[in-house]
Amino acid sequence: MPSPLAEQLRPQKLSDYIGQEHLVGDGAILSQSIASGNIPSMILWGPPGVGKTTLAHIISQTLNREFYTLSAVSSGVKDVRNVISQAAMFGGSAILFIDEIHRFSKSQQDSLLNAVEKGTITLIGATTENPSFEVISPLLSRCQVYILKSLEAEALTKLLKKGIKVLATQHDIKIKLKESEALLAISGGDARKLYNALELFVYQKKTKNSNVVIENDSVKKIIQENLAIYDKKGEMHYDVISAFIKSIRGSDPNAAVYWLARMVEAGEDPKFIARRLLILASEDIGNANPNALLLANSCFDAISKIGWPEGRIILSQTTVYLANSPKSNSTYLAIKDAQQLVKQTGDLPVPLALRNAPTKLMKDIGYGKDYQYAHQHEGNFANMEFLPDAIKGKALYVPGDNLREQDDLKRIKSRWKGKYNY
C-alpha cells in the first residue's frame, strides 16, 4: 500500500518547495542563509501543514548536514543529551530538528541552551504556538524566529494539481478538476489537509475504468461525512477550537463543554485551551463582566500547576462561567478603531497641557501649562481636553448593552455631557 499522498509529495529540494516566498523565494532571508551555507539556529512558527518539517529536511539535505530529529511529545532530557553527544562528533555542523518544541518543558529546553550557544548543534524547532509564550527566553534569544504563513490559493492549486497527477497514475484513472473551491476551503491553507481530503475524495469516488470529476458539492458531501474525527495535530484542530470558542461566545454552555470534551479526549495541550479562554474573556466579555478575565487568568495558572487529569475540571468550570457570562466586545472594538484612527491621522502632536516638563526650558515654552490635576477637583474629575485638537470629541469606546457598561455610559455622560455625542 502506498504511503499517504502528503508524504509521497514531500519536496526534497528548495526548488520544489511551494509557498513561503517571503522566506525562501529569490533573495529572501532564509534563501540567502542557505545559499551561504551559514544558517542560524531557528524556530519555524506557523500553522499545521505549511512546510515546517519539510523545510528543515530540505535545509539539511541542501547543506549536506548530519540531521537528527526529536519529537517533543515523546523525547526527554536524556534523549536531548544523547543527540547532542552524538552531534558533537561533527564539529558543529549537525542539525537537530525538534517537532512541537512548544511541548518541551523548561528543563528540556534548558538542556539545549549550552549546545546551541556553543554551536555544537544548529537547532531547528517547529511550533504551531507563539514561541514568545512557549519557548524560554534564553533559548529564544539564541534563535531566529521565522513565521510561516497559511498557504494561499495559488500555492494550494499547484499542490492540488500535483496530487491529482499522482493519484491518477496510481489508480489508473482520469481525474478531472472541474471545481477546486471546496477542496481549497477545506484545506484551510494546510497542504497536508488538502492532500488528505483529495486522497479521501478520489478513493470514495473511483470505480474501475471510470473517471473522477472533482466538483464542489460532491467534495463537501464526502469530506463532511468522513473527516469527522478530531486530530490534535492538525486535521480538525482549528475547526474544533473554533467551535469551542464560538459556542462560548454564543452563550451555550452545553455545546461549549461538548467541544471541550472533544479536545480533552484527544489529548489536547491544556494550556492551548486555557490561553484561548483568556483571549475570549477579554475580547468577547470584556467589561460586561471584568471577573471573567480574572477567572480565565486563574484557570491558566491553575492548569500550569496541576496538569491532567484534574485540570479538565478547572477548564470545565471556566468554560461554563464564560459561556453564561454577559457578553461585550466594546473594548476590543475600541482598540481596533483607535488603531485605525492612528493609521489615518498619523502621529498627532500631544497637547501641551499633557506634556511632561522635566526642564525649565520645557516649562517656559508651555509644556504642562494648564494641566488640571484631577484629584484636586470635586469628584476627582477635571473637564479638560485629553485628545489632540484634530480628533477632539472622537468617541472610540461605545459601551455595550449590558448592566456594567450601561453604568459606564451613565458615568461618561454625567462627566462629559454631550462632548462625545453618546
Protein backbone atom coordinates (compact mmCIF):
# COMPACT_ATOMS: atom_id res chain seq x y z
CA MET A 1 0.00 0.00 0.00
CA PRO A 2 1.48 3.40 -0.96
CA SER A 3 2.35 5.92 1.75
CA PRO A 4 -0.02 8.86 2.30
CA LEU A 5 -0.12 11.32 -0.58
CA ALA A 6 1.29 14.13 1.57
CA GLU A 7 4.37 12.01 2.30
CA GLN A 8 4.79 10.94 -1.32
CA LEU A 9 4.78 14.55 -2.49
CA ARG A 10 7.02 15.98 0.22
CA PRO A 11 9.61 18.03 -1.74
CA GLN A 12 13.26 17.09 -1.42
CA LYS A 13 14.86 20.31 -2.66
CA LEU A 14 14.19 24.01 -2.30
CA SER A 15 13.30 24.48 -5.97
CA ASP A 16 10.33 22.12 -5.49
CA TYR A 17 9.15 23.82 -2.28
CA ILE A 18 5.85 25.66 -2.78
CA GLY A 19 4.86 28.66 -0.68
CA GLN A 20 6.63 30.82 1.94
CA GLU A 21 8.23 33.02 -0.74
CA HIS A 22 8.87 35.69 1.93
CA LEU A 23 11.37 33.27 3.47
CA VAL A 24 12.65 31.06 0.65
CA GLY A 25 11.87 33.00 -2.54
CA ASP A 26 14.60 34.59 -4.64
CA GLY A 27 16.67 36.87 -2.45
CA ALA A 28 14.60 36.11 0.68
CA ILE A 29 16.33 35.97 4.04
CA LEU A 30 16.33 32.21 4.56
CA SER A 31 17.29 31.53 0.94
CA GLN A 32 20.34 33.73 1.39
CA SER A 33 21.33 31.94 4.61
CA ILE A 34 21.01 28.54 2.95
CA ALA A 35 22.96 29.70 -0.11
CA SER A 36 25.77 30.98 2.12
CA GLY A 37 25.87 27.67 3.98
CA ASN A 38 25.68 29.55 7.26
CA ILE A 39 22.26 29.09 8.86
CA PRO A 40 21.38 30.22 12.39
CA SER A 41 19.53 28.18 14.96
CA MET A 42 15.89 28.93 14.30
CA ILE A 43 12.28 28.48 15.33
CA LEU A 44 9.82 27.87 12.49
CA TRP A 45 6.45 29.14 13.68
CA GLY A 46 3.27 28.54 11.72
CA PRO A 47 0.03 26.56 11.46
CA PRO A 48 -0.02 22.86 10.57
CA GLY A 49 0.74 21.70 7.06
CA VAL A 50 2.62 24.75 5.80
CA GLY A 51 6.02 23.10 5.36
CA LYS A 52 7.94 23.46 8.64
CA THR A 53 9.21 19.87 8.81
CA THR A 54 9.80 19.75 5.06
CA LEU A 55 11.84 22.95 5.17
CA ALA A 56 14.04 21.56 7.95
CA HIS A 57 14.75 18.40 5.90
CA ILE A 58 15.49 20.43 2.77
CA ILE A 59 17.95 22.64 4.67
CA SER A 60 19.87 19.61 5.97
CA GLN A 61 19.97 17.94 2.55
CA THR A 62 20.95 21.12 0.72
CA LEU A 63 23.81 21.77 3.13
CA ASN A 64 24.68 18.07 3.43
CA ARG A 65 24.45 18.26 7.23
CA GLU A 66 24.01 15.39 9.66
CA PHE A 67 20.33 15.51 10.67
CA TYR A 68 18.83 14.44 13.99
CA THR A 69 15.15 14.66 14.81
CA LEU A 70 13.27 14.53 18.10
CA SER A 71 9.59 14.88 18.91
CA ALA A 72 8.81 16.97 21.97
CA VAL A 73 5.87 14.66 22.63
CA SER A 74 7.99 11.53 23.15
CA SER A 75 11.52 12.77 23.95
CA GLY A 76 13.03 13.70 27.30
CA VAL A 77 16.18 15.40 28.61
CA LYS A 78 18.13 12.14 28.28
CA ASP A 79 17.25 11.91 24.58
CA VAL A 80 18.35 15.50 24.03
CA ARG A 81 21.70 14.91 25.74
CA ASN A 82 22.31 11.71 23.76
CA VAL A 83 21.72 13.53 20.48
CA ILE A 84 23.95 16.44 21.50
CA SER A 85 26.69 13.98 22.44
CA GLN A 86 26.47 12.31 19.03
CA ALA A 87 26.25 15.63 17.19
CA ALA A 88 29.43 16.89 18.87
CA MET A 89 31.41 14.48 16.67
CA PHE A 90 30.50 16.54 13.60
CA GLY A 91 32.19 19.72 14.73
CA GLY A 92 29.11 21.90 14.94
CA SER A 93 27.70 21.04 11.53
CA ALA A 94 24.86 18.78 12.74
CA ILE A 95 21.24 19.93 12.71
CA LEU A 96 18.81 18.95 15.47
CA PHE A 97 15.17 19.26 14.44
CA ILE A 98 12.60 19.27 17.26
CA ASP A 99 8.97 18.99 16.23
CA GLU A 100 6.38 20.64 18.51
CA ILE A 101 9.12 22.31 20.54
CA HIS A 102 6.43 24.23 22.43
CA ARG A 103 5.67 20.97 24.26
CA PHE A 104 9.17 20.77 25.72
CA SER A 105 9.29 21.56 29.43
CA LYS A 106 11.59 24.27 30.82
CA SER A 107 14.16 21.67 31.91
CA GLN A 108 14.13 20.07 28.45
CA GLN A 109 14.63 23.45 26.81
CA ASP A 110 17.37 24.29 29.33
CA SER A 111 19.23 21.16 28.23
CA LEU A 112 19.56 22.66 24.74
CA LEU A 113 21.00 26.02 25.76
CA ASN A 114 24.68 25.21 26.10
CA ALA A 115 24.85 23.24 22.83
CA VAL A 116 23.05 25.98 20.90
CA GLU A 117 25.17 28.76 22.40
CA LYS A 118 28.47 26.96 21.70
CA GLY A 119 27.36 25.93 18.22
CA THR A 120 27.59 22.20 18.96
CA ILE A 121 24.28 21.88 17.13
CA THR A 122 22.18 24.05 14.87
CA LEU A 123 18.69 23.87 16.33
CA ILE A 124 15.60 23.98 14.15
CA GLY A 125 12.42 23.93 16.23
CA ALA A 126 8.92 23.74 14.77
CA THR A 127 5.88 25.07 16.59
CA THR A 128 2.27 25.96 15.96
CA GLU A 129 2.22 28.09 19.11
CA ASN A 130 3.57 31.59 19.69
CA PRO A 131 7.20 30.97 20.72
CA SER A 132 7.12 34.09 22.91
CA PHE A 133 4.87 32.16 25.27
CA GLU A 134 6.19 28.63 24.87
CA VAL A 135 9.96 28.88 24.34
CA ILE A 136 12.09 30.04 27.27
CA SER A 137 13.69 33.47 26.78
CA PRO A 138 17.36 32.34 26.90
CA LEU A 139 16.74 29.79 24.13
CA LEU A 140 14.56 32.17 22.11
CA SER A 141 17.26 34.84 22.22
CA ARG A 142 19.72 32.39 20.64
CA CYS A 143 17.39 31.59 17.72
CA GLN A 144 15.95 33.42 14.75
CA VAL A 145 12.16 33.15 14.57
CA TYR A 146 10.75 32.65 11.07
CA ILE A 147 6.99 32.88 10.62
CA LEU A 148 5.42 30.54 8.06
CA LYS A 149 2.00 31.52 6.70
CA SER A 150 -1.03 29.50 5.72
CA LEU A 151 -0.73 28.61 2.05
CA GLU A 152 -2.51 30.89 -0.40
CA ALA A 153 -4.88 29.70 -3.15
CA GLU A 154 -2.19 29.88 -5.82
CA ALA A 155 0.16 27.58 -3.89
CA LEU A 156 -2.65 25.21 -2.91
CA THR A 157 -3.77 24.93 -6.55
CA LYS A 158 -0.25 23.92 -7.59
CA LEU A 159 -0.19 21.27 -4.87
CA LEU A 160 -3.65 20.07 -5.85
CA LYS A 161 -2.64 19.54 -9.46
CA LYS A 162 0.44 17.60 -8.38
CA GLY A 163 -1.69 15.39 -6.16
CA ILE A 164 -4.22 14.73 -8.93
CA LYS A 165 -1.45 13.67 -11.31
CA VAL A 166 0.00 11.18 -8.81
CA LEU A 167 -3.39 9.69 -7.85
CA ALA A 168 -4.45 9.34 -11.48
CA THR A 169 -1.31 7.35 -12.21
CA GLN A 170 -1.58 5.20 -9.10
CA HIS A 171 -5.22 4.25 -9.67
CA ASP A 172 -5.01 4.21 -13.48
CA ILE A 173 -7.96 6.57 -13.83
CA LYS A 174 -8.67 10.01 -15.22
CA ILE A 175 -9.30 12.77 -12.70
CA LYS A 176 -10.91 15.98 -13.93
CA LEU A 177 -10.65 19.08 -11.77
CA LYS A 178 -13.90 20.87 -12.55
CA GLU A 179 -14.11 22.94 -9.35
CA SER A 180 -11.46 23.45 -6.67
CA GLU A 181 -13.03 25.94 -4.25
CA ALA A 182 -14.36 23.32 -1.79
CA LEU A 183 -11.05 21.48 -1.52
CA LEU A 184 -9.15 24.73 -1.03
CA ALA A 185 -11.61 25.87 1.64
CA ILE A 186 -11.41 22.53 3.46
CA SER A 187 -7.62 22.72 3.47
CA GLY A 188 -7.59 25.99 5.41
CA GLY A 189 -4.16 26.71 3.94
CA ASP A 190 -2.81 23.34 5.15
CA ALA A 191 -1.11 21.25 2.45
CA ARG A 192 -1.39 18.02 4.42
CA LYS A 193 -5.10 18.55 4.97
CA LEU A 194 -5.55 19.31 1.26
CA TYR A 195 -3.82 16.09 0.22
CA ASN A 196 -5.74 14.01 2.77
CA ALA A 197 -9.05 15.43 1.57
CA LEU A 198 -8.14 14.88 -2.10
CA GLU A 199 -7.00 11.32 -1.43
CA LEU A 200 -10.16 10.54 0.51
CA PHE A 201 -12.39 12.02 -2.20
CA VAL A 202 -10.71 10.08 -5.01
CA TYR A 203 -10.79 6.83 -3.02
CA GLN A 204 -14.53 7.24 -2.37
CA LYS A 205 -15.41 8.19 -5.96
CA LYS A 206 -13.23 5.92 -8.05
CA THR A 207 -14.55 2.74 -9.62
CA LYS A 208 -12.87 0.51 -12.14
CA ASN A 209 -12.44 2.11 -15.58
CA SER A 210 -14.27 5.28 -14.53
CA ASN A 211 -13.33 8.94 -14.41
CA VAL A 212 -13.40 11.04 -11.25
CA VAL A 213 -14.79 14.55 -11.52
CA ILE A 214 -13.95 16.94 -8.69
CA GLU A 215 -16.94 19.21 -8.04
CA ASN A 216 -17.64 21.38 -5.01
CA ASP A 217 -20.91 19.78 -3.92
CA SER A 218 -19.65 16.20 -4.07
CA VAL A 219 -16.42 17.18 -2.32
CA LYS A 220 -18.34 18.81 0.56
CA LYS A 221 -20.62 15.80 0.95
CA ILE A 222 -17.84 13.20 1.05
CA ILE A 223 -15.42 15.17 3.20
CA GLN A 224 -18.03 16.16 5.77
CA GLU A 225 -19.13 12.55 6.13
CA ASN A 226 -15.62 11.19 6.57
CA LEU A 227 -13.45 13.83 8.25
CA ALA A 228 -15.41 13.95 11.50
CA ILE A 229 -12.57 12.73 13.72
CA TYR A 230 -10.73 15.37 15.71
CA ASP A 231 -6.98 15.33 15.22
CA LYS A 232 -4.99 17.46 17.64
CA LYS A 233 -2.09 17.52 15.18
CA GLY A 234 -3.99 19.44 12.58
CA GLU A 235 -6.81 17.73 10.67
CA MET A 236 -9.67 19.11 12.78
CA HIS A 237 -7.62 21.00 15.36
CA TYR A 238 -8.61 24.51 14.35
CA ASP A 239 -12.19 23.51 13.45
CA VAL A 240 -12.83 22.17 16.95
CA ILE A 241 -11.21 25.06 18.81
CA SER A 242 -13.26 27.39 16.58
CA ALA A 243 -16.48 25.56 17.51
CA PHE A 244 -15.47 25.72 21.18
CA ILE A 245 -14.87 29.49 21.14
CA LYS A 246 -17.98 30.23 19.10
CA SER A 247 -20.13 28.17 21.47
CA ILE A 248 -18.90 30.20 24.45
CA ARG A 249 -19.34 33.45 22.53
CA GLY A 250 -22.86 32.27 21.68
CA SER A 251 -23.61 31.66 25.39
CA ASP A 252 -24.23 27.90 25.01
CA PRO A 253 -22.55 26.12 27.96
CA ASN A 254 -23.70 22.68 26.79
CA ALA A 255 -22.12 22.94 23.37
CA ALA A 256 -19.01 24.56 24.86
CA VAL A 257 -18.46 21.68 27.30
CA TYR A 258 -19.02 19.16 24.50
CA TRP A 259 -16.28 20.72 22.35
CA LEU A 260 -14.07 20.95 25.43
CA ALA A 261 -14.56 17.21 25.97
CA ARG A 262 -13.59 16.56 22.36
CA MET A 263 -10.28 18.29 22.95
CA VAL A 264 -9.71 16.66 26.34
CA GLU A 265 -10.31 13.17 24.92
CA ALA A 266 -7.93 13.91 22.04
CA GLY A 267 -5.14 14.80 24.45
CA GLU A 268 -5.02 18.49 23.57
CA ASP A 269 -2.48 20.64 25.41
CA PRO A 270 -4.48 22.15 28.32
CA LYS A 271 -2.52 25.41 28.12
CA PHE A 272 -3.61 25.77 24.49
CA ILE A 273 -7.25 25.67 25.64
CA ALA A 274 -6.67 27.92 28.65
CA ARG A 275 -4.90 30.52 26.53
CA ARG A 276 -7.90 30.72 24.18
CA LEU A 277 -10.19 31.19 27.17
CA LEU A 278 -8.02 34.10 28.34
CA ILE A 279 -8.31 35.81 24.97
CA LEU A 280 -12.08 35.22 24.81
CA ALA A 281 -12.61 36.59 28.33
CA SER A 282 -11.31 39.97 27.18
CA GLU A 283 -12.38 40.00 23.54
CA ASP A 284 -15.95 38.71 23.92
CA ILE A 285 -16.87 39.53 27.53
CA GLY A 286 -14.65 42.43 28.49
CA ASN A 287 -16.16 44.98 30.85
CA ALA A 288 -19.59 43.38 30.73
CA ASN A 289 -18.05 41.16 33.43
CA PRO A 290 -14.45 42.02 34.38
CA ASN A 291 -14.30 38.96 36.65
CA ALA A 292 -14.26 36.78 33.53
CA LEU A 293 -10.68 37.80 32.76
CA LEU A 294 -9.65 37.21 36.37
CA LEU A 295 -11.13 33.71 36.37
CA ALA A 296 -9.61 32.86 32.99
CA ASN A 297 -6.20 34.01 34.20
CA SER A 298 -6.57 31.95 37.38
CA CYS A 299 -7.56 28.99 35.21
CA PHE A 300 -4.36 29.32 33.17
CA ASP A 301 -2.25 29.50 36.33
CA ALA A 302 -4.01 26.52 37.90
CA ILE A 303 -3.65 24.42 34.74
CA SER A 304 0.08 25.13 34.72
CA LYS A 305 0.35 23.86 38.30
CA ILE A 306 -1.99 20.87 38.15
CA GLY A 307 -1.96 19.40 34.64
CA TRP A 308 -4.03 16.35 33.67
CA PRO A 309 -6.41 14.80 34.52
CA GLU A 310 -7.70 17.18 37.24
CA GLY A 311 -7.07 20.21 35.05
CA ARG A 312 -10.08 19.32 32.93
CA ILE A 313 -12.33 20.21 35.91
CA ILE A 314 -10.90 23.73 36.09
CA LEU A 315 -11.28 24.13 32.34
CA SER A 316 -14.90 22.99 32.57
CA GLN A 317 -15.68 25.42 35.39
CA THR A 318 -14.14 28.33 33.47
CA THR A 319 -15.81 27.33 30.21
CA VAL A 320 -19.29 27.21 31.77
CA TYR A 321 -18.73 30.51 33.60
CA LEU A 322 -17.62 32.30 30.44
CA ALA A 323 -20.47 30.82 28.39
CA ASN A 324 -23.04 32.04 30.92
CA SER A 325 -21.46 35.48 31.34
CA PRO A 326 -22.91 38.60 29.71
CA LYS A 327 -21.06 39.42 26.51
CA SER A 328 -19.48 42.56 25.10
CA ASN A 329 -16.79 43.23 22.51
CA SER A 330 -16.81 47.01 23.06
CA THR A 331 -13.23 47.24 24.37
CA TYR A 332 -11.99 45.02 21.52
CA LEU A 333 -13.70 47.32 19.01
CA ALA A 334 -12.36 50.39 20.85
CA ILE A 335 -8.69 49.44 20.40
CA LYS A 336 -9.35 48.25 16.84
CA ASP A 337 -10.96 51.59 15.91
CA ALA A 338 -8.28 53.53 17.77
CA GLN A 339 -5.53 51.77 15.83
CA GLN A 340 -7.31 52.53 12.56
CA LEU A 341 -7.62 56.18 13.59
CA VAL A 342 -3.88 56.33 14.33
CA LYS A 343 -3.12 54.89 10.87
CA GLN A 344 -5.38 57.51 9.26
CA THR A 345 -4.22 60.55 11.23
CA GLY A 346 -0.56 59.71 11.91
CA ASP A 347 1.42 60.94 14.92
CA LEU A 348 -0.71 63.87 16.04
CA PRO A 349 1.06 66.19 18.50
CA VAL A 350 0.42 65.67 22.19
CA PRO A 351 -1.47 68.69 23.64
CA LEU A 352 0.95 70.97 25.52
CA ALA A 353 -1.02 70.64 28.74
CA LEU A 354 -0.40 66.88 28.76
CA ARG A 355 3.33 67.01 28.05
CA ASN A 356 5.91 66.27 30.73
CA ALA A 357 8.12 69.23 31.65
CA PRO A 358 11.28 67.97 33.38
CA THR A 359 13.37 71.06 32.39
CA LYS A 360 12.97 74.84 32.80
CA LEU A 361 13.03 75.33 29.02
CA MET A 362 10.12 72.96 28.55
CA LYS A 363 8.14 74.80 31.22
CA ASP A 364 8.95 78.14 29.61
CA ILE A 365 7.57 77.06 26.23
CA GLY A 366 4.34 75.82 27.76
CA TYR A 367 4.84 72.13 28.46
CA GLY A 368 2.41 71.09 31.20
CA LYS A 369 0.78 74.52 31.38
CA ASP A 370 -2.95 74.48 32.19
CA TYR A 371 -2.86 70.81 33.20
CA GLN A 372 -5.51 70.19 35.85
CA TYR A 373 -4.71 67.53 38.47
CA ALA A 374 -7.95 65.54 38.70
CA HIS A 375 -7.58 64.73 42.40
CA GLN A 376 -7.71 68.42 43.28
CA HIS A 377 -11.20 68.74 41.80
CA GLU A 378 -14.63 67.69 43.01
CA GLY A 379 -15.37 64.05 42.25
CA ASN A 380 -11.72 63.64 41.16
CA PHE A 381 -12.68 64.94 37.73
CA ALA A 382 -11.36 67.90 35.74
CA ASN A 383 -13.08 68.85 32.49
CA MET A 384 -10.15 69.35 30.13
CA GLU A 385 -9.10 68.16 26.67
CA PHE A 386 -7.05 64.94 26.52
CA LEU A 387 -7.15 64.26 22.76
CA PRO A 388 -5.16 66.04 20.03
CA ASP A 389 -7.04 69.01 18.51
CA ALA A 390 -7.55 67.22 15.18
CA ILE A 391 -9.67 64.47 16.73
CA LYS A 392 -11.39 66.30 19.60
CA GLY A 393 -14.70 64.73 20.55
CA LYS A 394 -13.98 61.44 18.78
CA ALA A 395 -15.71 58.55 20.62
CA LEU A 396 -13.85 55.23 20.42
CA TYR A 397 -15.34 53.33 23.35
CA VAL A 398 -19.02 52.55 22.76
CA PRO A 399 -20.42 50.84 25.86
CA GLY A 400 -22.27 47.59 25.24
CA ASP A 401 -25.88 46.87 26.06
CA ASN A 402 -25.27 45.28 29.47
CA LEU A 403 -25.67 46.47 33.06
CA ARG A 404 -21.98 47.00 33.77
CA GLU A 405 -21.24 49.02 30.63
CA GLN A 406 -24.50 50.94 30.78
CA ASP A 407 -23.21 52.20 34.13
CA ASP A 408 -20.08 53.28 32.24
CA LEU A 409 -22.27 55.13 29.76
CA LYS A 410 -24.14 56.99 32.51
CA ARG A 411 -20.83 57.97 34.12
CA ILE A 412 -19.36 59.22 30.83
CA LYS A 413 -22.50 61.25 30.02
CA SER A 414 -22.53 62.74 33.50
CA ARG A 415 -18.91 63.82 33.31
CA TRP A 416 -18.52 64.82 29.68
CA LYS A 417 -22.11 65.94 28.97
CA GLY A 418 -22.62 65.97 25.19
CA LYS A 419 -18.95 66.13 24.22
CA TYR A 420 -18.67 62.64 22.75
CA ASN A 421 -22.24 62.52 21.37
CA TYR A 422 -23.22 59.36 23.26
